[in-house]
Amino acid sequence: MESLTGKELGKMRESKGITLDEAAKATCLRVSIIKAIENDEPCDLLSPLYLNFSRRTYARYLDNAAQKEIAAAKAVKSPANAKSA
């Protein structure tokens, strides 16, 4: 996944209808950390290393959610499925 800004990650989450609480539960990150990532704010409570790890974890989670949506859409709209019908 290319490097996205925190605001882009937030928009991605919102476009998928994922709440902050759902994202926090799925990633084992606190809501406050996800908010800091989405607002592109440094988190004074975290070391830069942990913040980068948290950002990558969150981005991967959102990318996996996107890949699942794409796969589901392809399964429904697949030309192979249309030909066999």
N, C-alpha and C. Protein backbone atom coordinates (compact mmCIF):
# COMPACT_ATOMS: atom_id res chain seq x y z
N MET A 1 0.85 -1.17 0.00
CA MET A 1 0.00 0.00 0.00
C MET A 1 0.89 1.23 0.00
N GLU A 2 0.58 2.16 -0.89
CA GLU A 2 1.36 3.38 -0.93
C GLU A 2 1.14 4.18 0.34
N SER A 3 2.04 5.09 0.62
CA SER A 3 1.94 5.87 1.84
C SER A 3 0.80 6.88 1.73
N LEU A 4 -0.14 6.79 2.63
CA LEU A 4 -1.29 7.69 2.65
C LEU A 4 -1.20 8.60 3.86
N THR A 5 -1.78 9.77 3.74
CA THR A 5 -1.83 10.66 4.90
C THR A 5 -2.86 10.11 5.88
N GLY A 6 -2.80 10.59 7.09
CA GLY A 6 -3.76 10.17 8.09
C GLY A 6 -5.18 10.55 7.69
N LYS A 7 -5.33 11.71 7.08
CA LYS A 7 -6.66 12.15 6.64
C LYS A 7 -7.20 11.21 5.56
N GLU A 8 -6.34 10.74 4.67
CA GLU A 8 -6.76 9.78 3.64
C GLU A 8 -7.16 8.45 4.28
N LEU A 9 -6.43 8.02 5.29
CA LEU A 9 -6.80 6.80 6.00
C LEU A 9 -8.16 6.96 6.68
N GLY A 10 -8.40 8.13 7.26
CA GLY A 10 -9.68 8.40 7.89
C GLY A 10 -10.82 8.36 6.89
N LYS A 11 -10.61 8.94 5.72
CA LYS A 11 -11.63 8.92 4.67
C LYS A 11 -11.88 7.50 4.19
N MET A 12 -10.82 6.70 4.10
CA MET A 12 -10.95 5.31 3.69
C MET A 12 -11.80 4.55 4.71
N ARG A 13 -11.52 4.77 5.98
CA ARG A 13 -12.29 4.10 7.03
C ARG A 13 -13.75 4.50 6.95
N GLU A 14 -14.01 5.79 6.82
CA GLU A 14 -15.38 6.28 6.76
C GLU A 14 -16.11 5.76 5.54
N SER A 15 -15.42 5.68 4.40
CA SER A 15 -16.07 5.21 3.17
C SER A 15 -16.48 3.74 3.28
N LYS A 16 -15.83 3.00 4.14
CA LYS A 16 -16.17 1.59 4.35
C LYS A 16 -17.21 1.41 5.45
N GLY A 17 -17.58 2.51 6.09
CA GLY A 17 -18.56 2.43 7.16
C GLY A 17 -18.02 1.81 8.43
N ILE A 18 -16.70 1.89 8.62
CA ILE A 18 -16.06 1.34 9.82
C ILE A 18 -15.98 2.44 10.87
N THR A 19 -16.46 2.14 12.07
CA THR A 19 -16.39 3.13 13.15
C THR A 19 -15.00 3.11 13.78
N LEU A 20 -14.70 4.15 14.52
CA LEU A 20 -13.43 4.19 15.25
C LEU A 20 -13.33 3.02 16.22
N ASP A 21 -14.44 2.72 16.90
CA ASP A 21 -14.43 1.61 17.85
C ASP A 21 -14.18 0.28 17.16
N GLU A 22 -14.78 0.06 15.99
CA GLU A 22 -14.56 -1.18 15.24
C GLU A 22 -13.11 -1.30 14.80
N ALA A 23 -12.55 -0.20 14.31
CA ALA A 23 -11.15 -0.20 13.88
C ALA A 23 -10.23 -0.46 15.06
N ALA A 24 -10.53 0.15 16.19
CA ALA A 24 -9.70 -0.04 17.39
C ALA A 24 -9.74 -1.49 17.84
N LYS A 25 -10.92 -2.09 17.84
CA LYS A 25 -11.04 -3.48 18.27
C LYS A 25 -10.30 -4.41 17.31
N ALA A 26 -10.43 -4.17 16.01
CA ALA A 26 -9.80 -5.04 15.01
C ALA A 26 -8.28 -4.93 15.00
N THR A 27 -7.75 -3.75 15.34
CA THR A 27 -6.31 -3.53 15.27
C THR A 27 -5.62 -3.60 16.63
N CYS A 28 -6.42 -3.67 17.69
CA CYS A 28 -5.88 -3.62 19.07
C CYS A 28 -5.15 -2.31 19.35
N LEU A 29 -5.61 -1.24 18.69
CA LEU A 29 -5.09 0.11 18.94
C LEU A 29 -6.15 0.90 19.68
N ARG A 30 -5.74 1.82 20.52
CA ARG A 30 -6.70 2.67 21.22
C ARG A 30 -7.32 3.66 20.24
N VAL A 31 -8.55 4.04 20.50
CA VAL A 31 -9.24 5.02 19.66
C VAL A 31 -8.44 6.32 19.59
N SER A 32 -7.85 6.72 20.71
CA SER A 32 -7.07 7.96 20.74
C SER A 32 -5.87 7.90 19.79
N ILE A 33 -5.29 6.73 19.64
CA ILE A 33 -4.16 6.57 18.72
C ILE A 33 -4.65 6.66 17.28
N ILE A 34 -5.77 6.01 16.99
CA ILE A 34 -6.32 6.07 15.63
C ILE A 34 -6.70 7.51 15.28
N LYS A 35 -7.28 8.22 16.24
CA LYS A 35 -7.62 9.63 16.00
C LYS A 35 -6.35 10.45 15.71
N ALA A 36 -5.30 10.21 16.46
CA ALA A 36 -4.04 10.93 16.24
C ALA A 36 -3.48 10.61 14.85
N ILE A 37 -3.57 9.36 14.43
CA ILE A 37 -3.10 8.97 13.10
C ILE A 37 -3.92 9.68 12.04
N GLU A 38 -5.25 9.63 12.17
CA GLU A 38 -6.13 10.23 11.17
C GLU A 38 -5.99 11.75 11.11
N ASN A 39 -5.63 12.37 12.21
CA ASN A 39 -5.46 13.83 12.23
C ASN A 39 -4.03 14.25 11.94
N ASP A 40 -3.18 13.27 11.59
CA ASP A 40 -1.77 13.54 11.32
C ASP A 40 -1.11 14.30 12.47
N GLU A 41 -1.49 13.92 13.69
CA GLU A 41 -0.94 14.56 14.88
C GLU A 41 0.06 13.64 15.55
N PRO A 42 1.18 14.17 15.99
CA PRO A 42 2.09 13.34 16.77
C PRO A 42 1.44 13.02 18.11
N CYS A 43 1.68 11.85 18.60
CA CYS A 43 1.12 11.43 19.88
C CYS A 43 2.25 11.49 20.91
N ASP A 44 2.12 12.40 21.85
CA ASP A 44 3.17 12.60 22.85
C ASP A 44 3.36 11.38 23.75
N LEU A 45 2.36 10.54 23.83
CA LEU A 45 2.45 9.39 24.71
C LEU A 45 3.19 8.21 24.08
N LEU A 46 3.44 8.29 22.77
CA LEU A 46 4.06 7.16 22.07
C LEU A 46 5.43 7.52 21.52
N SER A 47 6.30 6.53 21.49
CA SER A 47 7.59 6.75 20.84
C SER A 47 7.34 6.78 19.33
N PRO A 48 8.21 7.44 18.58
CA PRO A 48 8.05 7.47 17.12
C PRO A 48 8.00 6.06 16.51
N LEU A 49 8.76 5.15 17.06
CA LEU A 49 8.77 3.77 16.56
C LEU A 49 7.39 3.12 16.73
N TYR A 50 6.80 3.25 17.92
CA TYR A 50 5.49 2.66 18.17
C TYR A 50 4.42 3.34 17.33
N LEU A 51 4.51 4.66 17.16
CA LEU A 51 3.54 5.38 16.34
C LEU A 51 3.61 4.92 14.89
N ASN A 52 4.83 4.73 14.35
CA ASN A 52 4.97 4.23 12.98
C ASN A 52 4.41 2.82 12.85
N PHE A 53 4.66 1.97 13.84
CA PHE A 53 4.12 0.62 13.84
C PHE A 53 2.59 0.66 13.85
N SER A 54 2.04 1.53 14.70
CA SER A 54 0.58 1.65 14.81
C SER A 54 -0.02 2.15 13.50
N ARG A 55 0.65 3.10 12.86
CA ARG A 55 0.17 3.64 11.58
C ARG A 55 0.17 2.55 10.51
N ARG A 56 1.23 1.76 10.45
CA ARG A 56 1.30 0.66 9.48
C ARG A 56 0.22 -0.39 9.75
N THR A 57 0.03 -0.72 11.01
CA THR A 57 -1.01 -1.69 11.39
C THR A 57 -2.37 -1.20 10.94
N TYR A 58 -2.67 0.07 11.17
CA TYR A 58 -3.95 0.65 10.81
C TYR A 58 -4.12 0.68 9.29
N ALA A 59 -3.09 1.08 8.57
CA ALA A 59 -3.15 1.14 7.11
C ALA A 59 -3.37 -0.26 6.53
N ARG A 60 -2.68 -1.26 7.06
CA ARG A 60 -2.87 -2.63 6.58
C ARG A 60 -4.28 -3.12 6.85
N TYR A 61 -4.80 -2.80 8.02
CA TYR A 61 -6.18 -3.20 8.34
C TYR A 61 -7.14 -2.60 7.32
N LEU A 62 -7.01 -1.32 7.02
CA LEU A 62 -7.90 -0.68 6.06
C LEU A 62 -7.70 -1.24 4.66
N ASP A 63 -6.46 -1.53 4.29
CA ASP A 63 -6.20 -2.10 2.97
C ASP A 63 -6.80 -3.49 2.87
N ASN A 64 -6.70 -4.29 3.92
CA ASN A 64 -7.31 -5.63 3.90
C ASN A 64 -8.82 -5.53 3.78
N ALA A 65 -9.41 -4.56 4.46
CA ALA A 65 -10.86 -4.36 4.35
C ALA A 65 -11.21 -3.97 2.92
N ALA A 66 -10.38 -3.15 2.29
CA ALA A 66 -10.61 -2.75 0.90
C ALA A 66 -10.47 -3.94 -0.03
N GLN A 67 -9.46 -4.77 0.19
CA GLN A 67 -9.25 -5.94 -0.66
C GLN A 67 -10.42 -6.91 -0.56
N LYS A 68 -10.98 -7.06 0.63
CA LYS A 68 -12.15 -7.94 0.80
C LYS A 68 -13.35 -7.39 0.04
N GLU A 69 -13.53 -6.06 0.07
CA GLU A 69 -14.63 -5.44 -0.68
C GLU A 69 -14.44 -5.64 -2.17
N ILE A 70 -13.23 -5.47 -2.66
CA ILE A 70 -12.94 -5.63 -4.08
C ILE A 70 -13.18 -7.06 -4.51
N ALA A 71 -12.72 -8.01 -3.71
CA ALA A 71 -12.91 -9.43 -4.04
C ALA A 71 -14.39 -9.78 -4.07
N ALA A 72 -15.16 -9.26 -3.13
CA ALA A 72 -16.60 -9.54 -3.11
C ALA A 72 -17.28 -8.93 -4.33
N ALA A 73 -16.89 -7.73 -4.70
CA ALA A 73 -17.48 -7.09 -5.88
C ALA A 73 -17.12 -7.85 -7.16
N LYS A 74 -15.87 -8.31 -7.24
CA LYS A 74 -15.46 -9.08 -8.42
C LYS A 74 -16.21 -10.40 -8.51
N ALA A 75 -16.47 -11.02 -7.38
CA ALA A 75 -17.19 -12.29 -7.38
C ALA A 75 -18.60 -12.11 -7.92
N VAL A 76 -19.21 -10.97 -7.61
CA VAL A 76 -20.57 -10.70 -8.07
C VAL A 76 -20.57 -10.30 -9.55
N LYS A 77 -19.59 -9.49 -9.97
CA LYS A 77 -19.56 -8.93 -11.32
C LYS A 77 -18.63 -9.69 -12.26
N SER A 78 -18.10 -10.80 -11.85
CA SER A 78 -17.13 -11.52 -12.65
C SER A 78 -17.72 -11.93 -14.00
N PRO A 79 -16.99 -11.68 -15.11
CA PRO A 79 -17.46 -12.11 -16.44
C PRO A 79 -17.68 -13.62 -16.50
N ALA A 80 -16.88 -14.38 -15.78
CA ALA A 80 -17.03 -15.84 -15.77
C ALA A 80 -18.38 -16.22 -15.19
N ASN A 81 -18.81 -15.50 -14.15
CA ASN A 81 -20.11 -15.76 -13.55
C ASN A 81 -21.23 -15.39 -14.50
N ALA A 82 -21.04 -14.32 -15.26
CA ALA A 82 -22.06 -13.86 -16.18
C ALA A 82 -22.21 -14.84 -17.35
N LYS A 83 -21.11 -15.41 -17.85
CA LYS A 83 -21.15 -16.34 -18.99
C LYS A 83 -21.82 -17.65 -18.62
N SER A 84 -21.62 -18.09 -17.39
CA SER A 84 -22.17 -19.38 -16.99
C SER A 84 -23.65 -19.29 -16.66
N ALA A 85 -24.17 -18.09 -16.58
CA ALA A 85 -25.59 -17.91 -16.23
C ALA A 85 -26.49 -18.09 -17.42
